Amino acid sequence: ITTATISTTTITAATISTTSNTTATMSTNNNTTATISTTNNTT
């Protein structure tokens, strides 16, 4: 059993930049960052 807890503030900044290699970066005010990078198929 794995539990993941993410707490965010009322203000959330999300930036998505795409290139030949698609990268998505979401950062929240409480210094929690999640990065997703894909090479081919992106949903």
PDB file of N, CA and C in Angstrom:
ATOM      1  N   ILE A   1       0.861  -1.194   0.000  1.00  0.00           N
ATOM      2  CA  ILE A   1       0.000   0.000   0.000  1.00  0.00           C
ATOM      3  C   ILE A   1       0.895   1.241   0.000  1.00  0.00           C
ATOM      4  N   THR A   2       0.690   2.063  -0.984  1.00  0.00           N
ATOM      5  CA  THR A   2       1.490   3.283  -1.076  1.00  0.00           C
ATOM      6  C   THR A   2       0.592   4.489  -0.957  1.00  0.00           C
ATOM      7  N   THR A   3       0.945   5.393  -0.075  1.00  0.00           N
ATOM      8  CA  THR A   3       0.162   6.606   0.123  1.00  0.00           C
ATOM      9  C   THR A   3       0.990   7.811  -0.274  1.00  0.00           C
ATOM     10  N   ALA A   4       0.421   8.629  -1.157  1.00  0.00           N
ATOM     11  CA  ALA A   4       1.106   9.856  -1.560  1.00  0.00           C
ATOM     12  C   ALA A   4       0.235  11.031  -1.186  1.00  0.00           C
ATOM     13  N   THR A   5       0.815  11.979  -0.503  1.00  0.00           N
ATOM     14  CA  THR A   5       0.065  13.155  -0.084  1.00  0.00           C
ATOM     15  C   THR A   5       0.665  14.389  -0.724  1.00  0.00           C
ATOM     16  N   ILE A   6      -0.169  15.139  -1.427  1.00  0.00           N
ATOM     17  CA  ILE A   6       0.277  16.387  -2.039  1.00  0.00           C
ATOM     18  C   ILE A   6      -0.616  17.496  -1.530  1.00  0.00           C
ATOM     19  N   SER A   7      -0.017  18.486  -0.918  1.00  0.00           N
ATOM     20  CA  SER A   7      -0.784  19.629  -0.460  1.00  0.00           C
ATOM     21  C   SER A   7      -0.385  20.844  -1.278  1.00  0.00           C
ATOM     22  N   THR A   8      -1.391  21.571  -1.748  1.00  0.00           N
ATOM     23  CA  THR A   8      -1.119  22.743  -2.558  1.00  0.00           C
ATOM     24  C   THR A   8      -1.800  23.942  -1.934  1.00  0.00           C
ATOM     25  N   THR A   9      -1.390  25.112  -2.345  1.00  0.00           N
ATOM     26  CA  THR A   9      -2.021  26.319  -1.854  1.00  0.00           C
ATOM     27  C   THR A   9      -3.122  26.718  -2.826  1.00  0.00           C
ATOM     28  N   THR A  10      -3.832  27.789  -2.484  1.00  0.00           N
ATOM     29  CA  THR A  10      -4.937  28.208  -3.338  1.00  0.00           C
ATOM     30  C   THR A  10      -4.436  28.726  -4.682  1.00  0.00           C
ATOM     31  N   ILE A  11      -3.181  29.131  -4.726  1.00  0.00           N
ATOM     32  CA  ILE A  11      -2.590  29.622  -5.965  1.00  0.00           C
ATOM     33  C   ILE A  11      -1.691  28.534  -6.531  1.00  0.00           C
ATOM     34  N   THR A  12      -1.990  28.102  -7.740  1.00  0.00           N
ATOM     35  CA  THR A  12      -1.191  27.071  -8.385  1.00  0.00           C
ATOM     36  C   THR A  12      -0.724  27.572  -9.743  1.00  0.00           C
ATOM     37  N   ALA A  13       0.558  27.476  -9.965  1.00  0.00           N
ATOM     38  CA  ALA A  13       1.111  27.878 -11.251  1.00  0.00           C
ATOM     39  C   ALA A  13       1.518  26.631 -12.015  1.00  0.00           C
ATOM     40  N   ALA A  14       1.022  26.505 -13.220  1.00  0.00           N
ATOM     41  CA  ALA A  14       1.363  25.354 -14.046  1.00  0.00           C
ATOM     42  C   ALA A  14       1.917  25.843 -15.374  1.00  0.00           C
ATOM     43  N   THR A  15       3.073  25.328 -15.721  1.00  0.00           N
ATOM     44  CA  THR A  15       3.656  25.681 -17.008  1.00  0.00           C
ATOM     45  C   THR A  15       3.862  24.421 -17.831  1.00  0.00           C
ATOM     46  N   ILE A  16       3.433  24.459 -19.071  1.00  0.00           N
ATOM     47  CA  ILE A  16       3.646  23.329 -19.968  1.00  0.00           C
ATOM     48  C   ILE A  16       4.378  23.836 -21.206  1.00  0.00           C
ATOM     49  N   SER A  17       5.532  23.287 -21.456  1.00  0.00           N
ATOM     50  CA  SER A  17       6.266  23.629 -22.662  1.00  0.00           C
ATOM     51  C   SER A  17       6.510  22.353 -23.453  1.00  0.00           C
ATOM     52  N   THR A  18       6.261  22.431 -24.746  1.00  0.00           N
ATOM     53  CA  THR A  18       6.434  21.247 -25.571  1.00  0.00           C
ATOM     54  C   THR A  18       7.533  21.482 -26.601  1.00  0.00           C
ATOM     55  N   THR A  19       8.352  20.465 -26.795  1.00  0.00           N
ATOM     56  CA  THR A  19       9.366  20.484 -27.835  1.00  0.00           C
ATOM     57  C   THR A  19       9.278  19.156 -28.562  1.00  0.00           C
ATOM     58  N   SER A  20      10.326  18.766 -29.269  1.00  0.00           N
ATOM     59  CA  SER A  20      10.362  17.447 -29.875  1.00  0.00           C
ATOM     60  C   SER A  20      10.301  16.367 -28.800  1.00  0.00           C
ATOM     61  N   ASN A  21      10.901  16.674 -27.662  1.00  0.00           N
ATOM     62  CA  ASN A  21      10.686  15.846 -26.477  1.00  0.00           C
ATOM     63  C   ASN A  21       9.733  16.619 -25.581  1.00  0.00           C
ATOM     64  N   THR A  22       8.569  16.033 -25.309  1.00  0.00           N
ATOM     65  CA  THR A  22       7.530  16.759 -24.591  1.00  0.00           C
ATOM     66  C   THR A  22       7.807  16.735 -23.098  1.00  0.00           C
ATOM     67  N   THR A  23       7.845  17.930 -22.505  1.00  0.00           N
ATOM     68  CA  THR A  23       8.051  18.007 -21.064  1.00  0.00           C
ATOM     69  C   THR A  23       6.940  18.828 -20.441  1.00  0.00           C
ATOM     70  N   ALA A  24       6.439  18.353 -19.314  1.00  0.00           N
ATOM     71  CA  ALA A  24       5.420  19.097 -18.593  1.00  0.00           C
ATOM     72  C   ALA A  24       5.899  19.314 -17.169  1.00  0.00           C
ATOM     73  N   THR A  25       5.830  20.533 -16.719  1.00  0.00           N
ATOM     74  CA  THR A  25       6.271  20.843 -15.363  1.00  0.00           C
ATOM     75  C   THR A  25       5.170  21.574 -14.614  1.00  0.00           C
ATOM     76  N   MET A  26       4.785  21.057 -13.462  1.00  0.00           N
ATOM     77  CA  MET A  26       3.802  21.730 -12.623  1.00  0.00           C
ATOM     78  C   MET A  26       4.457  22.022 -11.278  1.00  0.00           C
ATOM     79  N   SER A  27       4.393  23.277 -10.858  1.00  0.00           N
ATOM     80  CA  SER A  27       4.963  23.636  -9.568  1.00  0.00           C
ATOM     81  C   SER A  27       3.925  24.358  -8.735  1.00  0.00           C
ATOM     82  N   THR A  28       3.908  24.066  -7.437  1.00  0.00           N
ATOM     83  CA  THR A  28       2.952  24.697  -6.544  1.00  0.00           C
ATOM     84  C   THR A  28       3.688  25.527  -5.511  1.00  0.00           C
ATOM     85  N   ASN A  29       2.960  26.387  -4.802  1.00  0.00           N
ATOM     86  CA  ASN A  29       3.585  27.360  -3.910  1.00  0.00           C
ATOM     87  C   ASN A  29       4.308  26.740  -2.723  1.00  0.00           C
ATOM     88  N   ASN A  30       3.898  25.566  -2.293  1.00  0.00           N
ATOM     89  CA  ASN A  30       4.556  24.986  -1.124  1.00  0.00           C
ATOM     90  C   ASN A  30       5.762  24.142  -1.520  1.00  0.00           C
ATOM     91  N   ASN A  31       6.394  24.557  -2.598  1.00  0.00           N
ATOM     92  CA  ASN A  31       7.649  23.950  -3.044  1.00  0.00           C
ATOM     93  C   ASN A  31       7.495  22.474  -3.377  1.00  0.00           C
ATOM     94  N   THR A  32       6.359  22.111  -3.944  1.00  0.00           N
ATOM     95  CA  THR A  32       6.177  20.748  -4.417  1.00  0.00           C
ATOM     96  C   THR A  32       6.209  20.772  -5.932  1.00  0.00           C
ATOM     97  N   THR A  33       7.124  20.015  -6.507  1.00  0.00           N
ATOM     98  CA  THR A  33       7.251  20.014  -7.953  1.00  0.00           C
ATOM     99  C   THR A  33       7.054  18.600  -8.488  1.00  0.00           C
ATOM    100  N   ALA A  34       6.330  18.507  -9.568  1.00  0.00           N
ATOM    101  CA  ALA A  34       6.167  17.231 -10.248  1.00  0.00           C
ATOM    102  C   ALA A  34       6.548  17.427 -11.705  1.00  0.00           C
ATOM    103  N   THR A  35       7.432  16.581 -12.187  1.00  0.00           N
ATOM    104  CA  THR A  35       7.859  16.708 -13.575  1.00  0.00           C
ATOM    105  C   THR A  35       7.535  15.433 -14.337  1.00  0.00           C
ATOM    106  N   ILE A  36       6.980  15.606 -15.514  1.00  0.00           N
ATOM    107  CA  ILE A  36       6.684  14.464 -16.372  1.00  0.00           C
ATOM    108  C   ILE A  36       7.337  14.724 -17.725  1.00  0.00           C
ATOM    109  N   SER A  37       8.140  13.798 -18.182  1.00  0.00           N
ATOM    110  CA  SER A  37       8.734  13.934 -19.500  1.00  0.00           C
ATOM    111  C   SER A  37       8.430  12.685 -20.311  1.00  0.00           C
ATOM    112  N   THR A  38       7.994  12.892 -21.549  1.00  0.00           N
ATOM    113  CA  THR A  38       7.694  11.769 -22.416  1.00  0.00           C
ATOM    114  C   THR A  38       8.473  11.925 -23.714  1.00  0.00           C
ATOM    115  N   THR A  39       8.662  10.830 -24.431  1.00  0.00           N
ATOM    116  CA  THR A  39       9.435  10.895 -25.659  1.00  0.00           C
ATOM    117  C   THR A  39       8.560  10.755 -26.894  1.00  0.00           C
ATOM    118  N   ASN A  40       7.543   9.917 -26.849  1.00  0.00           N
ATOM    119  CA  ASN A  40       6.746   9.727 -28.045  1.00  0.00           C
ATOM    120  C   ASN A  40       5.289  10.122 -27.859  1.00  0.00           C
ATOM    121  N   ASN A  41       4.493   9.214 -27.322  1.00  0.00           N
ATOM    122  CA  ASN A  41       3.063   9.480 -27.229  1.00  0.00           C
ATOM    123  C   ASN A  41       2.751  10.259 -25.971  1.00  0.00           C
ATOM    124  N   THR A  42       2.005  11.339 -26.138  1.00  0.00           N
ATOM    125  CA  THR A  42       1.647  12.183 -24.997  1.00  0.00           C
ATOM    126  C   THR A  42       0.143  12.299 -24.913  1.00  0.00           C
ATOM    127  N   THR A  43      -0.390  12.047 -23.751  1.00  0.00           N
ATOM    128  CA  THR A  43      -1.825  12.175 -23.548  1.00  0.00           C
ATOM    129  C   THR A  43      -2.080  13.249 -22.501  1.00  0.00           C
TER     130      THR A  43
END
